[in-house]
Amino acid sequence: MDHDIAHASALPFSTDSLDGLAARIATGATIVGIGGSTRFSREVSGLQDQLFRRLVTQHGFRLLALQEHAGAVDRLDRYVRTGEGSAESALDAAWRPWRTAETAAALRWIRAFNRDHPDDQVQIVGTKPAQAQHEDYDAVLGHVRAIAPDRLPELTAHLEPIRTAHDLDEHVQQAQGAHPGRPFAEHARDALALLKSLPTAKGSEAVLARMRLIVDFHDQSVAGRGSFGGEDDAAADMLAGHQRRTGLRMVFWDGIAHTSAAPFRLGMVSDGALMPSVGSELRARYGAGYVAVAIGFHHGDLGVVTVPEPPADFLDAELGRADTPAHWLDLRGEHDANGEHGEDVHRHWAGPAKMRVISGVYDPAQDADAYLRVASLTAAFDVLAHVHEARAAHWLERVQH
């Protein structure tokens, strides 16, 4: 637990400031979306974690929602509710950005809370239905090895390249120049056709079902869809369903492009199309009961990349002019952390804004395009938290960059 303690104490916010921020965002909220401008910073993920802990212990929140599929979420939920395995092993099937020491620390904290509150536990839920995992590829390969070994090399040539997308998203491989060339969805469909051409044998239907999951995974990926959007309405339905089913207050961790309470445009997308978000769908369902928090930073070494100071027209540049390592603002008609009058705060930030986004496809040479743009900052986010300098998250050993 030493790492957990060091992780929390390294945050550039005082305990009183975190308590005040948590109290502010909890007021009137059924769902709180806490979005980060990057998934690669220990400060950003640490602040998400510390706010979540306060929302649980001080304000009665009992659901943590992640952008994750049902199979992986089930493992995380079993660990925090029963202690099965370890935090690290529970993350084995999770999406790569979650596989950090910071996420493991958060899971251990939830497990400890649940152990002390067996009748009032925190649950972990996800935004996606069940999807393919590595064992599905193994099952398909094993089946063909047993019934048609002469077709195994052909099947392997389709499946081995594309299973890498479970460790590094296909669109990120494309951006990094590591992609083998042919679209993964095409390989998956050819593999399905190969399976269908084989004689029926014991277990064939189950294996075909696994292969269809694999096809669906690649068809529905960012690369397969050819878009960063497209799943927001379904994800919001999933989260709203979890909330209605349990009646519990929820915290939703994700990136700011997903938690924004208003549609947005991405600088990295050439057509500049207006895109909905999970948060905008939740705002439509819950109104002010959905509270959107954005965590950003000015600059820093994220390990995978060094991010320079932001362009002058970015919100992050304006927030970075404050003479403090970290601060937060409530953009609603209240007041900010320094006690300034709320109407003045709301009026100052009510216009359009560009906000830095550092994703897996970020290129420092194109830093000026790494932004999310909203027509009204106060419509998109209720609270801003800003860290001046960000540092790298601690990746678990099995995660390869």
Protein backbone atom coordinates (compact mmCIF):
# COMPACT_ATOMS: atom_id res chain seq x y z
CA MET A 1 0.00 0.00 0.00
CA ASP A 2 3.00 2.34 0.14
CA HIS A 3 2.57 3.16 -3.53
CA ASP A 4 -1.10 4.01 -2.89
CA ILE A 5 -0.15 6.45 -0.13
CA ALA A 6 2.58 8.08 -2.21
CA HIS A 7 0.23 8.34 -5.16
CA ALA A 8 -2.41 10.21 -3.16
CA SER A 9 0.05 12.55 -1.41
CA ALA A 10 1.63 13.53 -4.74
CA LEU A 11 -1.53 15.35 -5.87
CA PRO A 12 -1.09 19.14 -6.01
CA PHE A 13 -4.40 19.74 -4.18
CA SER A 14 -4.86 20.15 -0.45
CA THR A 15 -7.22 17.88 1.48
CA ASP A 16 -9.54 20.83 2.15
CA SER A 17 -9.59 21.76 -1.53
CA LEU A 18 -10.48 18.20 -2.55
CA ASP A 19 -13.19 18.02 0.11
CA GLY A 20 -14.66 21.30 -1.10
CA LEU A 21 -14.56 20.24 -4.74
CA ALA A 22 -16.22 16.90 -4.00
CA ALA A 23 -18.96 18.62 -2.01
CA ARG A 24 -19.56 21.07 -4.83
CA ILE A 25 -19.92 18.45 -7.57
CA ALA A 26 -22.02 16.11 -5.40
CA THR A 27 -24.75 18.68 -4.80
CA GLY A 28 -27.82 17.69 -6.79
CA ALA A 29 -25.95 15.07 -8.82
CA THR A 30 -27.20 11.61 -9.70
CA ILE A 31 -24.31 10.92 -12.08
CA VAL A 32 -20.95 12.72 -12.00
CA GLY A 33 -18.78 12.41 -15.11
CA ILE A 34 -15.13 13.02 -14.26
CA GLY A 35 -13.21 13.33 -17.52
CA GLY A 36 -9.50 13.72 -18.08
CA SER A 37 -7.73 15.39 -21.00
CA THR A 38 -5.36 12.40 -21.04
CA ARG A 39 -5.28 8.84 -19.72
CA PHE A 40 -1.49 8.88 -19.35
CA SER A 41 -1.05 11.13 -16.28
CA ARG A 42 -0.80 10.08 -12.66
CA GLU A 43 -2.16 13.49 -11.58
CA VAL A 44 -5.25 13.25 -13.78
CA SER A 45 -6.10 9.68 -12.78
CA GLY A 46 -5.14 10.44 -9.19
CA LEU A 47 -7.58 13.33 -9.03
CA GLN A 48 -10.34 11.18 -10.51
CA ASP A 49 -9.61 8.61 -7.81
CA GLN A 50 -9.43 11.04 -4.89
CA LEU A 51 -12.69 12.73 -5.89
CA PHE A 52 -14.35 9.34 -6.25
CA ARG A 53 -13.22 8.31 -2.76
CA ARG A 54 -14.77 11.45 -1.28
CA LEU A 55 -17.97 11.02 -3.26
CA VAL A 56 -18.24 7.51 -1.81
CA THR A 57 -17.35 8.23 1.82
CA GLN A 58 -18.84 11.72 2.20
CA HIS A 59 -21.73 11.78 -0.27
CA GLY A 60 -23.05 8.23 -0.67
CA PHE A 61 -22.07 7.40 -4.26
CA ARG A 62 -21.93 3.63 -4.80
CA LEU A 63 -21.41 3.03 -8.54
CA LEU A 64 -18.21 3.48 -10.53
CA ALA A 65 -18.73 3.36 -14.31
CA LEU A 66 -15.90 2.77 -16.76
CA GLN A 67 -15.65 2.69 -20.54
CA GLU A 68 -15.28 -1.07 -20.50
CA HIS A 69 -17.02 -4.22 -21.71
CA ALA A 70 -19.11 -6.49 -19.53
CA GLY A 71 -16.59 -9.35 -19.28
CA ALA A 72 -13.78 -7.14 -18.01
CA VAL A 73 -16.10 -5.20 -15.69
CA ASP A 74 -17.35 -8.46 -14.14
CA ARG A 75 -13.78 -9.31 -13.13
CA LEU A 76 -13.22 -5.87 -11.64
CA ASP A 77 -16.53 -5.98 -9.77
CA ARG A 78 -15.85 -9.48 -8.41
CA TYR A 79 -12.49 -8.34 -7.06
CA VAL A 80 -13.81 -5.24 -5.28
CA ARG A 81 -16.85 -7.05 -3.88
CA THR A 82 -15.38 -10.46 -2.98
CA GLY A 83 -11.58 -10.03 -2.98
CA GLU A 84 -11.18 -12.67 -5.69
CA GLY A 85 -7.63 -12.47 -7.09
CA SER A 86 -5.74 -9.18 -6.94
CA ALA A 87 -6.27 -5.70 -8.32
CA GLU A 88 -3.62 -6.38 -10.94
CA SER A 89 -5.05 -9.72 -12.06
CA ALA A 90 -8.53 -8.19 -12.22
CA LEU A 91 -7.16 -5.70 -14.74
CA ASP A 92 -5.75 -8.39 -17.06
CA ALA A 93 -8.75 -8.27 -19.40
CA ALA A 94 -9.32 -4.53 -19.10
CA TRP A 95 -8.80 -1.92 -21.78
CA ARG A 96 -5.14 -0.95 -21.95
CA PRO A 97 -5.48 2.60 -20.53
CA TRP A 98 -6.92 1.19 -17.30
CA ARG A 99 -3.95 -1.12 -16.72
CA THR A 100 -1.96 1.21 -14.49
CA ALA A 101 -0.77 1.17 -10.90
CA GLU A 102 -3.08 4.14 -10.30
CA THR A 103 -6.15 2.14 -11.33
CA ALA A 104 -4.96 -0.80 -9.22
CA ALA A 105 -4.64 1.53 -6.22
CA ALA A 106 -8.21 2.72 -6.76
CA LEU A 107 -9.46 -0.87 -6.94
CA ARG A 108 -7.66 -1.77 -3.71
CA TRP A 109 -9.26 1.18 -1.98
CA ILE A 110 -12.73 0.12 -3.17
CA ARG A 111 -12.04 -3.44 -2.02
CA ALA A 112 -11.07 -2.17 1.44
CA PHE A 113 -14.20 0.00 1.62
CA ASN A 114 -16.41 -2.91 0.59
CA ARG A 115 -14.79 -5.21 3.13
CA ASP A 116 -15.68 -2.68 5.84
CA HIS A 117 -19.19 -2.09 4.46
CA PRO A 118 -20.44 -5.54 3.37
CA ASP A 119 -24.07 -4.38 3.23
CA ASP A 120 -23.38 -1.11 1.42
CA GLN A 121 -20.81 -1.93 -1.23
CA VAL A 122 -19.47 0.01 -4.21
CA GLN A 123 -20.18 -1.70 -7.54
CA ILE A 124 -18.29 -1.33 -10.83
CA VAL A 125 -20.28 -1.20 -14.06
CA GLY A 126 -19.42 -0.64 -17.71
CA THR A 127 -20.58 1.12 -20.86
CA LYS A 128 -20.38 -1.85 -23.23
CA PRO A 129 -21.88 -5.33 -23.59
CA ALA A 130 -19.69 -8.44 -23.62
CA GLN A 131 -17.00 -8.43 -26.30
CA ALA A 132 -14.20 -10.67 -27.50
CA GLN A 133 -11.20 -11.39 -25.31
CA HIS A 134 -7.91 -13.20 -25.87
CA GLU A 135 -9.39 -16.53 -24.79
CA ASP A 136 -11.86 -16.34 -27.67
CA TYR A 137 -9.01 -16.29 -30.18
CA ASP A 138 -7.38 -19.22 -28.38
CA ALA A 139 -10.63 -21.20 -28.49
CA VAL A 140 -11.08 -20.61 -32.23
CA LEU A 141 -7.49 -21.56 -32.99
CA GLY A 142 -7.70 -24.64 -30.77
CA HIS A 143 -10.89 -25.80 -32.45
CA VAL A 144 -9.40 -25.59 -35.95
CA ARG A 145 -6.17 -27.21 -34.76
CA ALA A 146 -8.27 -30.20 -33.63
CA ILE A 147 -10.64 -30.62 -36.60
CA ALA A 148 -8.78 -29.13 -39.60
CA PRO A 149 -5.08 -28.68 -38.83
CA ASP A 150 -4.32 -28.07 -42.51
CA ARG A 151 -6.36 -24.83 -42.31
CA LEU A 152 -4.66 -23.62 -39.11
CA PRO A 153 -1.87 -21.58 -40.81
CA GLU A 154 -4.44 -19.66 -42.84
CA LEU A 155 -6.57 -18.96 -39.77
CA THR A 156 -3.51 -17.97 -37.73
CA ALA A 157 -2.50 -15.48 -40.41
CA HIS A 158 -5.87 -13.77 -39.92
CA LEU A 159 -6.13 -13.88 -36.13
CA GLU A 160 -2.64 -13.31 -34.74
CA PRO A 161 -2.18 -9.80 -36.20
CA ILE A 162 -5.62 -8.59 -35.17
CA ARG A 163 -5.62 -9.85 -31.59
CA THR A 164 -2.95 -7.23 -30.90
CA ALA A 165 -5.77 -4.64 -30.95
CA HIS A 166 -6.76 -5.84 -27.48
CA ASP A 167 -3.44 -4.50 -26.18
CA LEU A 168 -3.01 -1.49 -28.49
CA ASP A 169 -6.05 -0.16 -30.35
CA GLU A 170 -5.95 -0.55 -34.11
CA HIS A 171 -6.30 3.19 -34.75
CA VAL A 172 -3.37 3.83 -32.39
CA GLN A 173 -1.27 1.25 -34.28
CA GLN A 174 -2.14 3.11 -37.47
CA ALA A 175 -1.11 6.45 -35.98
CA GLN A 176 2.16 5.03 -34.66
CA GLY A 177 3.08 3.35 -37.95
CA ALA A 178 2.91 -0.10 -36.33
CA HIS A 179 -0.14 -1.38 -38.21
CA PRO A 180 0.49 -4.41 -40.48
CA GLY A 181 -1.58 -2.93 -43.30
CA ARG A 182 -4.84 -4.77 -43.94
CA PRO A 183 -7.90 -3.62 -41.91
CA PHE A 184 -8.46 -5.91 -38.95
CA ALA A 185 -12.20 -6.15 -39.61
CA GLU A 186 -11.46 -7.69 -43.02
CA HIS A 187 -9.18 -10.30 -41.44
CA ALA A 188 -11.90 -11.10 -38.88
CA ARG A 189 -14.58 -11.58 -41.53
CA ASP A 190 -12.29 -13.83 -43.56
CA ALA A 191 -11.60 -15.91 -40.46
CA LEU A 192 -15.35 -16.26 -39.88
CA ALA A 193 -15.84 -17.38 -43.48
CA LEU A 194 -13.07 -19.95 -43.05
CA LEU A 195 -14.77 -21.37 -39.94
CA LYS A 196 -18.12 -21.58 -41.71
CA SER A 197 -16.51 -23.59 -44.54
CA LEU A 198 -15.33 -26.35 -42.19
CA PRO A 199 -17.30 -29.53 -41.47
CA THR A 200 -19.57 -29.30 -38.43
CA ALA A 201 -18.04 -30.89 -35.35
CA LYS A 202 -18.60 -30.95 -31.61
CA GLY A 203 -18.33 -27.41 -30.30
CA SER A 204 -18.62 -25.77 -33.74
CA GLU A 205 -21.57 -23.54 -32.80
CA ALA A 206 -19.88 -22.27 -29.65
CA VAL A 207 -16.71 -21.49 -31.59
CA LEU A 208 -18.70 -19.68 -34.29
CA ALA A 209 -20.30 -17.57 -31.57
CA ARG A 210 -16.84 -16.63 -30.27
CA MET A 211 -15.71 -15.79 -33.80
CA ARG A 212 -18.73 -13.53 -34.30
CA LEU A 213 -17.75 -11.69 -31.11
CA ILE A 214 -14.30 -11.16 -32.62
CA VAL A 215 -15.80 -9.81 -35.84
CA ASP A 216 -18.07 -7.48 -33.90
CA PHE A 217 -15.13 -6.21 -31.80
CA HIS A 218 -13.20 -5.15 -34.89
CA ASP A 219 -16.23 -3.86 -36.79
CA GLN A 220 -17.17 -1.63 -33.85
CA SER A 221 -13.68 -0.34 -33.06
CA VAL A 222 -12.65 3.24 -33.89
CA ALA A 223 -10.72 1.92 -36.90
CA GLY A 224 -13.57 -0.36 -37.97
CA ARG A 225 -16.17 2.41 -37.79
CA GLY A 226 -13.80 4.97 -39.23
CA SER A 227 -14.91 7.40 -36.54
CA PHE A 228 -14.25 8.36 -32.92
CA GLY A 229 -18.00 8.64 -32.37
CA GLY A 230 -20.92 6.31 -32.81
CA GLU A 231 -21.43 4.47 -29.51
CA ASP A 232 -22.42 7.32 -27.23
CA ASP A 233 -26.19 6.81 -27.19
CA ALA A 234 -25.80 3.08 -26.47
CA ALA A 235 -23.26 3.77 -23.72
CA ALA A 236 -25.53 6.36 -22.11
CA ASP A 237 -28.42 3.89 -22.25
CA MET A 238 -26.21 1.31 -20.54
CA LEU A 239 -25.21 3.72 -17.75
CA ALA A 240 -28.74 5.00 -17.26
CA GLY A 241 -29.92 1.40 -17.07
CA HIS A 242 -27.38 0.57 -14.35
CA GLN A 243 -28.43 3.66 -12.42
CA ARG A 244 -32.16 2.98 -12.69
CA ARG A 245 -31.75 -0.70 -11.84
CA THR A 246 -29.79 0.01 -8.65
CA GLY A 247 -31.10 3.44 -7.69
CA LEU A 248 -27.53 4.35 -6.75
CA ARG A 249 -25.55 7.53 -7.42
CA MET A 250 -22.82 7.02 -10.00
CA VAL A 251 -19.35 8.33 -10.87
CA PHE A 252 -18.35 7.91 -14.52
CA TRP A 253 -14.60 7.97 -15.32
CA ASP A 254 -13.54 8.63 -18.90
CA GLY A 255 -11.92 11.19 -21.18
CA ILE A 256 -13.38 14.68 -21.57
CA ALA A 257 -14.59 13.82 -25.08
CA HIS A 258 -16.91 11.26 -23.47
CA THR A 259 -17.93 13.13 -20.30
CA SER A 260 -18.66 16.52 -21.93
CA ALA A 261 -22.30 17.49 -21.35
CA ALA A 262 -22.49 19.05 -24.83
CA PRO A 263 -21.53 17.92 -28.34
CA PHE A 264 -18.04 18.85 -29.50
CA ARG A 265 -15.60 18.91 -32.41
CA LEU A 266 -12.14 17.32 -32.46
CA GLY A 267 -9.21 19.13 -34.02
CA MET A 268 -7.69 15.84 -35.15
CA VAL A 269 -10.79 14.98 -37.21
CA SER A 270 -10.43 16.47 -40.68
CA ASP A 271 -14.12 17.14 -41.36
CA GLY A 272 -14.63 18.88 -38.01
CA ALA A 273 -18.05 17.25 -37.61
CA LEU A 274 -20.07 17.93 -34.48
CA MET A 275 -19.97 14.80 -32.33
CA PRO A 276 -22.28 13.77 -29.48
CA SER A 277 -20.83 12.39 -26.26
CA VAL A 278 -21.96 10.00 -23.57
CA GLY A 279 -22.18 13.04 -21.29
CA SER A 280 -24.39 15.00 -23.69
CA GLU A 281 -26.74 12.01 -23.84
CA LEU A 282 -26.76 11.81 -20.03
CA ARG A 283 -27.43 15.54 -19.76
CA ALA A 284 -30.45 15.05 -22.03
CA ARG A 285 -31.73 12.30 -19.71
CA TYR A 286 -30.82 13.74 -16.29
CA GLY A 287 -30.59 17.50 -16.83
CA ALA A 288 -28.68 19.15 -13.99
CA GLY A 289 -28.56 15.74 -12.30
CA TYR A 290 -25.64 14.96 -14.60
CA VAL A 291 -22.59 16.95 -13.50
CA ALA A 292 -19.58 17.12 -15.83
CA VAL A 293 -16.08 17.70 -14.44
CA ALA A 294 -13.06 18.26 -16.72
CA ILE A 295 -9.50 17.66 -15.52
CA GLY A 296 -6.80 19.21 -17.68
CA PHE A 297 -3.12 20.12 -17.51
CA HIS A 298 -0.70 22.65 -18.95
CA HIS A 299 2.34 20.57 -19.92
CA GLY A 300 4.36 17.56 -18.81
CA ASP A 301 6.33 14.41 -19.52
CA LEU A 302 3.78 11.58 -19.82
CA GLY A 303 6.39 8.90 -20.44
CA VAL A 304 4.92 7.84 -23.77
CA VAL A 305 5.26 11.44 -24.99
CA THR A 306 6.38 14.86 -23.75
CA VAL A 307 3.62 17.45 -24.11
CA PRO A 308 4.73 21.08 -24.56
CA GLU A 309 3.01 24.21 -23.33
CA PRO A 310 -0.36 24.57 -25.06
CA PRO A 311 -1.07 27.02 -27.90
CA ALA A 312 -2.16 30.43 -26.67
CA ASP A 313 -5.77 29.96 -27.82
CA PHE A 314 -6.27 26.81 -25.75
CA LEU A 315 -8.23 26.97 -22.48
CA ASP A 316 -5.30 25.16 -20.87
CA ALA A 317 -3.02 28.12 -21.63
CA GLU A 318 -5.36 30.55 -19.89
CA LEU A 319 -5.82 28.27 -16.89
CA GLY A 320 -2.05 27.75 -16.75
CA ARG A 321 -1.44 31.45 -16.11
CA ALA A 322 -2.59 31.03 -12.51
CA ASP A 323 0.36 31.11 -10.11
CA THR A 324 -0.43 27.76 -8.51
CA PRO A 325 0.40 24.10 -9.21
CA ALA A 326 -3.32 23.27 -9.35
CA HIS A 327 -6.72 24.91 -8.99
CA TRP A 328 -10.38 24.38 -9.78
CA LEU A 329 -13.34 26.47 -10.92
CA ASP A 330 -17.09 25.97 -10.58
CA LEU A 331 -18.56 27.35 -13.81
CA ARG A 332 -22.16 27.32 -12.61
CA GLY A 333 -23.92 30.27 -11.00
CA GLU A 334 -22.09 29.87 -7.70
CA HIS A 335 -18.49 30.81 -7.00
CA ASP A 336 -15.01 29.46 -7.63
CA ALA A 337 -12.43 28.09 -5.22
CA ASN A 338 -11.13 31.60 -4.56
CA GLY A 339 -14.55 32.95 -3.62
CA GLU A 340 -15.12 35.06 -6.72
CA HIS A 341 -18.72 35.92 -7.52
CA GLY A 342 -20.43 33.14 -9.45
CA GLU A 343 -22.11 35.29 -12.06
CA ASP A 344 -18.76 36.75 -13.02
CA VAL A 345 -17.19 33.30 -13.28
CA HIS A 346 -20.07 31.98 -15.41
CA ARG A 347 -20.01 35.01 -17.71
CA HIS A 348 -16.24 34.86 -18.18
CA TRP A 349 -16.23 31.19 -19.27
CA ALA A 350 -19.54 31.01 -21.15
CA GLY A 351 -18.09 31.28 -24.68
CA PRO A 352 -16.50 28.72 -27.02
CA ALA A 353 -13.34 26.94 -25.93
CA LYS A 354 -10.58 24.66 -27.17
CA MET A 355 -9.42 22.11 -24.60
CA ARG A 356 -6.29 20.01 -24.89
CA VAL A 357 -6.76 16.28 -25.59
CA ILE A 358 -3.77 13.92 -25.44
CA SER A 359 -4.81 10.49 -26.72
CA GLY A 360 -2.97 7.45 -28.02
CA VAL A 361 -2.73 9.08 -31.47
CA TYR A 362 -1.20 12.34 -30.17
CA ASP A 363 1.73 13.74 -32.17
CA PRO A 364 3.67 16.67 -30.60
CA ALA A 365 4.40 17.94 -34.11
CA GLN A 366 0.64 18.47 -34.52
CA ASP A 367 0.02 19.80 -31.02
CA ALA A 368 -2.17 22.65 -32.32
CA ASP A 369 -4.70 20.05 -33.58
CA ALA A 370 -4.88 18.10 -30.32
CA TYR A 371 -8.02 19.69 -28.95
CA LEU A 372 -11.69 19.30 -28.21
CA ARG A 373 -13.75 22.37 -29.17
CA VAL A 374 -17.12 23.23 -27.63
CA ALA A 375 -19.49 26.04 -28.57
CA SER A 376 -20.03 26.90 -24.90
CA LEU A 377 -17.67 25.85 -22.15
CA THR A 378 -20.32 26.29 -19.45
CA ALA A 379 -22.75 24.10 -21.38
CA ALA A 380 -20.13 21.36 -21.73
CA PHE A 381 -18.65 21.35 -18.22
CA ASP A 382 -19.83 22.37 -14.78
CA VAL A 383 -16.45 22.25 -13.05
CA LEU A 384 -12.87 22.58 -14.29
CA ALA A 385 -9.81 21.25 -12.46
CA HIS A 386 -6.38 22.17 -13.78
CA VAL A 387 -2.92 20.79 -12.99
CA HIS A 388 0.03 22.83 -14.18
CA GLU A 389 2.50 19.98 -14.70
CA ALA A 390 1.52 16.38 -15.38
CA ARG A 391 3.68 13.30 -14.95
CA ALA A 392 3.51 9.79 -16.37
CA ALA A 393 1.15 7.14 -15.08
CA HIS A 394 2.77 3.96 -13.76
CA TRP A 395 1.98 1.17 -16.22
CA LEU A 396 1.57 -2.35 -14.95
CA GLU A 397 4.40 -4.62 -16.13
CA ARG A 398 2.31 -6.65 -18.58
CA VAL A 399 1.31 -3.50 -20.51
CA GLN A 400 3.54 -2.96 -23.53
CA HIS A 401 3.87 0.47 -25.13
